[in-house]
PDB file of N, CA and C in Angstrom:
ATOM      1  N   LYS A   1       0.874  -1.355   0.060  1.00  0.00           N
ATOM      2  CA  LYS A   1      -0.484   0.014  -0.093  1.00  0.00           C
ATOM      3  C   LYS A   1       0.701   1.187  -0.232  1.00  0.00           C
ATOM      4  N   SER A   2       0.362   2.864  -0.380  1.00  0.00           N
ATOM      5  CA  SER A   2       1.066   3.914  -0.746  1.00  0.00           C
ATOM      6  C   SER A   2       0.983   4.370   0.923  1.00  0.00           C
ATOM      7  N   ASN A   3       1.523   5.233   0.712  1.00  0.00           N
ATOM      8  CA  ASN A   3       1.322   6.246   1.890  1.00  0.00           C
ATOM      9  C   ASN A   3      -0.328   7.530   2.243  1.00  0.00           C
ATOM     10  N   ALA A   4      -0.077   7.656   0.860  1.00  0.00           N
ATOM     11  CA  ALA A   4      -1.393   7.775   1.123  1.00  0.00           C
ATOM     12  C   ALA A   4      -2.624   6.976   0.929  1.00  0.00           C
ATOM     13  N   SER A   5      -2.682   6.161   0.845  1.00  0.00           N
ATOM     14  CA  SER A   5      -3.331   4.876   0.692  1.00  0.00           C
ATOM     15  C   SER A   5      -3.908   4.655   2.348  1.00  0.00           C
ATOM     16  N   PHE A   6      -2.861   4.440   3.027  1.00  0.00           N
ATOM     17  CA  PHE A   6      -2.874   4.369   4.569  1.00  0.00           C
ATOM     18  C   PHE A   6      -3.496   6.115   5.050  1.00  0.00           C
ATOM     19  N   ALA A   7      -2.761   7.165   4.472  1.00  0.00           N
ATOM     20  CA  ALA A   7      -3.648   8.301   5.363  1.00  0.00           C
ATOM     21  C   ALA A   7      -5.013   8.138   5.207  1.00  0.00           C
ATOM     22  N   PHE A   8      -5.247   7.950   3.771  1.00  0.00           N
ATOM     23  CA  PHE A   8      -6.750   8.273   3.381  1.00  0.00           C
ATOM     24  C   PHE A   8      -7.287   6.703   4.287  1.00  0.00           C
ATOM     25  N   GLN A   9      -7.165   5.495   4.738  1.00  0.00           N
ATOM     26  CA  GLN A   9      -7.501   4.815   5.593  1.00  0.00           C
ATOM     27  C   GLN A   9      -7.569   5.285   7.069  1.00  0.00           C
ATOM     28  N   ILE A  10      -7.202   5.863   7.370  1.00  0.00           N
ATOM     29  CA  ILE A  10      -6.140   6.026   8.754  1.00  0.00           C
ATOM     30  C   ILE A  10      -7.527   7.623   9.202  1.00  0.00           C
ATOM     31  N   LYS A  11      -7.590   8.399   8.342  1.00  0.00           N
ATOM     32  CA  LYS A  11      -8.613   9.833   8.558  1.00  0.00           C
ATOM     33  C   LYS A  11      -9.976   8.841   8.510  1.00  0.00           C
ATOM     34  N   GLU A  12     -10.200   8.130   7.220  1.00  0.00           N
ATOM     35  CA  GLU A  12     -11.629   7.616   7.853  1.00  0.00           C
ATOM     36  C   GLU A  12     -11.907   6.940   8.671  1.00  0.00           C
ATOM     37  N   GLN A  13     -11.069   5.700   9.237  1.00  0.00           N
ATOM     38  CA  GLN A  13     -11.386   5.097  10.570  1.00  0.00           C
ATOM     39  C   GLN A  13     -11.539   6.034  11.788  1.00  0.00           C
ATOM     40  N   LYS A  14     -10.921   7.291  11.539  1.00  0.00           N
ATOM     41  CA  LYS A  14     -11.074   7.925  12.904  1.00  0.00           C
ATOM     42  C   LYS A  14     -12.531   9.067  12.969  1.00  0.00           C
ATOM     43  N   VAL A  15     -12.748   9.265  11.899  1.00  0.00           N
ATOM     44  CA  VAL A  15     -14.368   9.611  11.475  1.00  0.00           C
ATOM     45  C   VAL A  15     -14.870   8.667  11.980  1.00  0.00           C
ATOM     46  N   VAL A  16     -14.831   7.381  11.857  1.00  0.00           N
ATOM     47  CA  VAL A  16     -15.723   6.276  12.276  1.00  0.00           C
ATOM     48  C   VAL A  16     -15.827   5.990  13.863  1.00  0.00           C
ATOM     49  N   VAL A  17     -14.340   6.546  14.544  1.00  0.00           N
ATOM     50  CA  VAL A  17     -14.137   5.679  15.891  1.00  0.00           C
ATOM     51  C   VAL A  17     -14.603   7.438  16.665  1.00  0.00           C
ATOM     52  N   ASP A  18     -14.851   8.086  15.924  1.00  0.00           N
ATOM     53  CA  ASP A  18     -15.255   9.855  16.506  1.00  0.00           C
ATOM     54  C   ASP A  18     -16.744   9.652  16.275  1.00  0.00           C
ATOM     55  N   GLU A  19     -17.177   9.175  15.624  1.00  0.00           N
ATOM     56  CA  GLU A  19     -18.889   8.805  15.197  1.00  0.00           C
ATOM     57  C   GLU A  19     -19.243   7.529  16.127  1.00  0.00           C
ATOM     58  N   LEU A  20     -18.938   6.862  16.682  1.00  0.00           N
ATOM     59  CA  LEU A  20     -19.237   5.654  17.148  1.00  0.00           C
ATOM     60  C   LEU A  20     -19.054   6.441  18.932  1.00  0.00           C
ATOM     61  N   SER A  21     -17.947   7.006  18.819  1.00  0.00           N
ATOM     62  CA  SER A  21     -17.877   7.523  20.329  1.00  0.00           C
ATOM     63  C   SER A  21     -18.585   9.102  20.552  1.00  0.00           C
ATOM     64  N   ASN A  22     -19.344   9.033  20.097  1.00  0.00           N
ATOM     65  CA  ASN A  22     -19.811  10.473  20.109  1.00  0.00           C
ATOM     66  C   ASN A  22     -21.537  10.181  19.974  1.00  0.00           C
ATOM     67  N   LEU A  23     -22.053   8.986  19.371  1.00  0.00           N
ATOM     68  CA  LEU A  23     -23.530   8.511  19.744  1.00  0.00           C
ATOM     69  C   LEU A  23     -24.039   8.266  21.212  1.00  0.00           C
ATOM     70  N   LYS A  24     -25.316   9.192  21.346  1.00  0.00           N
ATOM     71  CA  LYS A  24     -26.088   8.575  22.488  1.00  0.00           C
ATOM     72  C   LYS A  24     -26.184   7.118  23.193  1.00  0.00           C
ATOM     73  N   LYS A  25     -25.835   6.846  24.120  1.00  0.00           N
ATOM     74  CA  LYS A  25     -26.087   5.227  24.229  1.00  0.00           C
ATOM     75  C   LYS A  25     -27.166   4.094  24.140  1.00  0.00           C
ATOM     76  N   ASN A  26     -28.288   4.971  23.556  1.00  0.00           N
ATOM     77  CA  ASN A  26     -29.155   4.501  23.466  1.00  0.00           C
ATOM     78  C   ASN A  26     -29.810   4.249  21.856  1.00  0.00           C
ATOM     79  N   ARG A  27     -28.358   4.652  21.067  1.00  0.00           N
ATOM     80  CA  ARG A  27     -28.706   4.513  19.378  1.00  0.00           C
ATOM     81  C   ARG A  27     -28.165   3.541  19.038  1.00  0.00           C
ATOM     82  N   LYS A  28     -28.784   2.920  18.005  1.00  0.00           N
ATOM     83  CA  LYS A  28     -28.316   2.124  17.160  1.00  0.00           C
ATOM     84  C   LYS A  28     -27.491   1.755  16.383  1.00  0.00           C
ATOM     85  N   VAL A  29     -26.867   0.609  15.759  1.00  0.00           N
ATOM     86  CA  VAL A  29     -25.799   0.692  15.250  1.00  0.00           C
ATOM     87  C   VAL A  29     -25.784  -0.371  13.913  1.00  0.00           C
ATOM     88  N   TYR A  30     -25.285  -0.272  13.073  1.00  0.00           N
ATOM     89  CA  TYR A  30     -25.559  -1.272  12.056  1.00  0.00           C
ATOM     90  C   TYR A  30     -24.397  -1.700  11.410  1.00  0.00           C
ATOM     91  N   LYS A  31     -23.897  -2.984  11.310  1.00  0.00           N
ATOM     92  CA  LYS A  31     -22.261  -3.140  10.367  1.00  0.00           C
ATOM     93  C   LYS A  31     -23.011  -4.037   9.221  1.00  0.00           C
ATOM     94  N   GLN A  32     -22.588  -3.379   8.181  1.00  0.00           N
ATOM     95  CA  GLN A  32     -22.354  -4.067   6.576  1.00  0.00           C
ATOM     96  C   GLN A  32     -21.832  -5.516   6.734  1.00  0.00           C
ATOM     97  N   GLN A  33     -22.404  -6.093   5.944  1.00  0.00           N
ATOM     98  CA  GLN A  33     -21.503  -7.366   5.844  1.00  0.00           C
ATOM     99  C   GLN A  33     -20.727  -7.360   4.336  1.00  0.00           C
ATOM    100  N   PRO A  34     -19.254  -7.831   4.762  1.00  0.00           N
ATOM    101  CA  PRO A  34     -18.697  -8.007   3.583  1.00  0.00           C
ATOM    102  C   PRO A  34     -18.930  -8.338   2.169  1.00  0.00           C
ATOM    103  N   ASN A  35     -18.814  -7.634   1.243  1.00  0.00           N
ATOM    104  CA  ASN A  35     -19.261  -7.691  -0.290  1.00  0.00           C
ATOM    105  C   ASN A  35     -20.629  -8.110   0.023  1.00  0.00           C
ATOM    106  N   SER A  36     -21.734  -6.938   0.434  1.00  0.00           N
ATOM    107  CA  SER A  36     -22.795  -7.222   0.251  1.00  0.00           C
ATOM    108  C   SER A  36     -23.511  -5.860   0.835  1.00  0.00           C
ATOM    109  N   ASN A  37     -24.665  -5.740   0.616  1.00  0.00           N
ATOM    110  CA  ASN A  37     -25.494  -4.637   1.031  1.00  0.00           C
ATOM    111  C   ASN A  37     -26.307  -5.079   2.499  1.00  0.00           C
ATOM    112  N   ILE A  38     -26.051  -5.789   3.018  1.00  0.00           N
ATOM    113  CA  ILE A  38     -27.349  -6.514   4.103  1.00  0.00           C
ATOM    114  C   ILE A  38     -26.197  -6.068   5.510  1.00  0.00           C
ATOM    115  N   PHE A  39     -27.072  -5.080   6.079  1.00  0.00           N
ATOM    116  CA  PHE A  39     -26.692  -4.739   7.495  1.00  0.00           C
ATOM    117  C   PHE A  39     -27.183  -5.494   8.599  1.00  0.00           C
ATOM    118  N   PHE A  40     -26.382  -5.439   9.630  1.00  0.00           N
ATOM    119  CA  PHE A  40     -27.140  -6.344  11.080  1.00  0.00           C
ATOM    120  C   PHE A  40     -27.161  -5.355  11.518  1.00  0.00           C
ATOM    121  N   LEU A  41     -28.016  -5.423  12.823  1.00  0.00           N
ATOM    122  CA  LEU A  41     -27.635  -4.834  14.364  1.00  0.00           C
ATOM    123  C   LEU A  41     -26.292  -4.819  14.673  1.00  0.00           C
ATOM    124  N   ALA A  42     -25.842  -4.196  15.374  1.00  0.00           N
ATOM    125  CA  ALA A  42     -24.389  -4.487  16.441  1.00  0.00           C
ATOM    126  C   ALA A  42     -24.232  -3.967  17.468  1.00  0.00           C
ATOM    127  N   ASP A  43     -23.598  -3.765  18.226  1.00  0.00           N
ATOM    128  CA  ASP A  43     -23.203  -3.836  19.935  1.00  0.00           C
ATOM    129  C   ASP A  43     -22.554  -2.004  19.572  1.00  0.00           C
ATOM    130  N   ARG A  44     -22.929  -1.390  20.069  1.00  0.00           N
ATOM    131  CA  ARG A  44     -22.155   0.088  20.158  1.00  0.00           C
ATOM    132  C   ARG A  44     -20.790  -0.214  19.984  1.00  0.00           C
ATOM    133  N   THR A  45     -21.071  -0.543  21.775  1.00  0.00           N
ATOM    134  CA  THR A  45     -19.617  -0.537  22.407  1.00  0.00           C
ATOM    135  C   THR A  45     -18.822  -1.621  21.953  1.00  0.00           C
ATOM    136  N   GLU A  46     -19.579  -2.780  21.360  1.00  0.00           N
ATOM    137  CA  GLU A  46     -18.092  -3.936  20.311  1.00  0.00           C
ATOM    138  C   GLU A  46     -17.533  -3.048  19.037  1.00  0.00           C
ATOM    139  N   MET A  47     -18.275  -2.087  18.535  1.00  0.00           N
ATOM    140  CA  MET A  47     -17.919  -1.753  17.370  1.00  0.00           C
ATOM    141  C   MET A  47     -16.705  -0.945  17.458  1.00  0.00           C
ATOM    142  N   LEU A  48     -17.175   0.105  18.218  1.00  0.00           N
ATOM    143  CA  LEU A  48     -16.075   1.256  18.872  1.00  0.00           C
ATOM    144  C   LEU A  48     -14.835   0.369  19.061  1.00  0.00           C
ATOM    145  N   SER A  49     -14.706  -0.445  20.096  1.00  0.00           N
ATOM    146  CA  SER A  49     -13.782  -1.507  20.053  1.00  0.00           C
ATOM    147  C   SER A  49     -12.783  -1.842  19.060  1.00  0.00           C
ATOM    148  N   GLN A  50     -14.051  -2.523  18.197  1.00  0.00           N
ATOM    149  CA  GLN A  50     -13.171  -2.831  16.533  1.00  0.00           C
ATOM    150  C   GLN A  50     -12.525  -1.792  16.359  1.00  0.00           C
ATOM    151  N   CYS A  51     -13.641  -0.955  15.519  1.00  0.00           N
ATOM    152  CA  CYS A  51     -12.919   0.463  14.962  1.00  0.00           C
ATOM    153  C   CYS A  51     -11.724   1.086  15.404  1.00  0.00           C
ATOM    154  N   LYS A  52     -11.283   1.027  16.676  1.00  0.00           N
ATOM    155  CA  LYS A  52     -10.154   1.357  17.563  1.00  0.00           C
ATOM    156  C   LYS A  52      -9.337   0.754  17.666  1.00  0.00           C
ATOM    157  N   ASN A  53      -9.432  -0.613  17.099  1.00  0.00           N
ATOM    158  CA  ASN A  53      -8.555  -2.107  16.882  1.00  0.00           C
ATOM    159  C   ASN A  53      -7.854  -1.609  15.575  1.00  0.00           C
ATOM    160  N   THR A  54      -8.864  -1.510  14.627  1.00  0.00           N
ATOM    161  CA  THR A  54      -8.590  -1.264  13.294  1.00  0.00           C
ATOM    162  C   THR A  54      -7.598   0.003  13.062  1.00  0.00           C
ATOM    163  N   LEU A  55      -8.285   1.029  14.000  1.00  0.00           N
ATOM    164  CA  LEU A  55      -7.307   2.645  13.372  1.00  0.00           C
ATOM    165  C   LEU A  55      -5.761   2.408  14.408  1.00  0.00           C
ATOM    166  N   ASP A  56      -5.908   1.128  15.206  1.00  0.00           N
ATOM    167  CA  ASP A  56      -4.148   1.244  15.623  1.00  0.00           C
ATOM    168  C   ASP A  56      -3.614   0.174  14.745  1.00  0.00           C
ATOM    169  N   GLU A  57      -4.417  -0.801  14.050  1.00  0.00           N
ATOM    170  CA  GLU A  57      -3.480  -2.054  13.208  1.00  0.00           C
ATOM    171  C   GLU A  57      -2.828  -0.614  11.594  1.00  0.00           C
ATOM    172  N   LEU A  58      -3.667   0.333  11.494  1.00  0.00           N
ATOM    173  CA  LEU A  58      -3.862   0.989  10.550  1.00  0.00           C
ATOM    174  C   LEU A  58      -2.239   2.191  10.554  1.00  0.00           C
ATOM    175  N   LYS A  59      -2.672   2.356  11.833  1.00  0.00           N
ATOM    176  CA  LYS A  59      -0.914   3.040  12.021  1.00  0.00           C
ATOM    177  C   LYS A  59       0.377   2.256  12.125  1.00  0.00           C
ATOM    178  N   LYS A  60       0.144   1.464  12.749  1.00  0.00           N
ATOM    179  CA  LYS A  60       1.181   0.480  12.753  1.00  0.00           C
ATOM    180  C   LYS A  60       1.794   0.298  11.566  1.00  0.00           C
ATOM    181  N   ALA A  61       0.839  -0.780  10.545  1.00  0.00           N
ATOM    182  CA  ALA A  61       1.383  -0.942   9.397  1.00  0.00           C
ATOM    183  C   ALA A  61       1.827   0.563   8.098  1.00  0.00           C
ATOM    184  N   HIS A  62       1.209   1.585   8.423  1.00  0.00           N
ATOM    185  CA  HIS A  62       1.299   2.835   8.388  1.00  0.00           C
ATOM    186  C   HIS A  62       3.357   3.234   8.825  1.00  0.00           C
ATOM    187  N   GLN A  63       2.705   2.963  10.133  1.00  0.00           N
ATOM    188  CA  GLN A  63       4.517   3.898  10.857  1.00  0.00           C
ATOM    189  C   GLN A  63       5.566   2.970   9.910  1.00  0.00           C
ATOM    190  N   GLU A  64       5.409   1.486   9.935  1.00  0.00           N
ATOM    191  CA  GLU A  64       6.237   0.340   9.691  1.00  0.00           C
ATOM    192  C   GLU A  64       6.646   0.600   7.868  1.00  0.00           C
ATOM    193  N   LEU A  65       5.629   1.196   6.875  1.00  0.00           N
ATOM    194  CA  LEU A  65       5.834   1.832   5.624  1.00  0.00           C
ATOM    195  C   LEU A  65       6.799   2.468   5.830  1.00  0.00           C
ATOM    196  N   GLU A  66       6.513   4.355   6.710  1.00  0.00           N
ATOM    197  CA  GLU A  66       7.159   4.828   6.350  1.00  0.00           C
ATOM    198  C   GLU A  66       8.869   4.142   6.734  1.00  0.00           C
ATOM    199  N   ASN A  67       9.339   3.678   7.560  1.00  0.00           N
ATOM    200  CA  ASN A  67       9.984   3.248   8.509  1.00  0.00           C
ATOM    201  C   ASN A  67      10.844   2.517   7.422  1.00  0.00           C
ATOM    202  N   SER A  68      10.336   1.234   6.742  1.00  0.00           N
ATOM    203  CA  SER A  68      10.907   0.610   5.198  1.00  0.00           C
ATOM    204  C   SER A  68      11.661   1.896   4.478  1.00  0.00           C
ATOM    205  N   GLU A  69      10.487   3.014   3.842  1.00  0.00           N
ATOM    206  CA  GLU A  69      10.696   3.433   3.026  1.00  0.00           C
ATOM    207  C   GLU A  69      12.294   4.128   3.585  1.00  0.00           C
ATOM    208  N   LYS A  70      12.121   5.169   4.641  1.00  0.00           N
ATOM    209  CA  LYS A  70      13.480   5.638   5.523  1.00  0.00           C
ATOM    210  C   LYS A  70      14.811   4.892   5.049  1.00  0.00           C
ATOM    211  N   ALA A  71      14.653   3.642   5.581  1.00  0.00           N
ATOM    212  CA  ALA A  71      15.739   2.355   5.874  1.00  0.00           C
ATOM    213  C   ALA A  71      16.177   2.432   3.965  1.00  0.00           C
ATOM    214  N   LYS A  72      15.032   2.592   2.958  1.00  0.00           N
ATOM    215  CA  LYS A  72      15.531   2.217   1.499  1.00  0.00           C
ATOM    216  C   LYS A  72      16.332   3.449   1.096  1.00  0.00           C
ATOM    217  N   ILE A  73      15.923   4.544   1.769  1.00  0.00           N
ATOM    218  CA  ILE A  73      16.503   6.376   1.271  1.00  0.00           C
ATOM    219  C   ILE A  73      17.985   6.341   1.624  1.00  0.00           C
ATOM    220  N   LYS A  74      18.200   5.787   3.038  1.00  0.00           N
ATOM    221  CA  LYS A  74      19.611   5.659   3.451  1.00  0.00           C
ATOM    222  C   LYS A  74      20.292   4.318   2.812  1.00  0.00           C
ATOM    223  N   LYS A  75      20.219   3.250   2.353  1.00  0.00           N
ATOM    224  CA  LYS A  75      21.113   2.579   1.565  1.00  0.00           C
ATOM    225  C   LYS A  75      22.042   3.177   0.729  1.00  0.00           C
TER     226      LYS A  75
END
């Protein structure tokens, strides 16, 4: 993946985390099934946790890509 791709995905995931964090507790959250237009009711807290984990993974992968690019430049 490119830096731009990671940057976009990180920004997108931050928006999702922010939106889920600011929802009222009684609001319903739906999760889209992969490769489908079907949505199922999901637990807000669980979804927030999953989205935070995804964000952390994206940040880590982005950092690893940047570090590998810096290492290539130094060679």
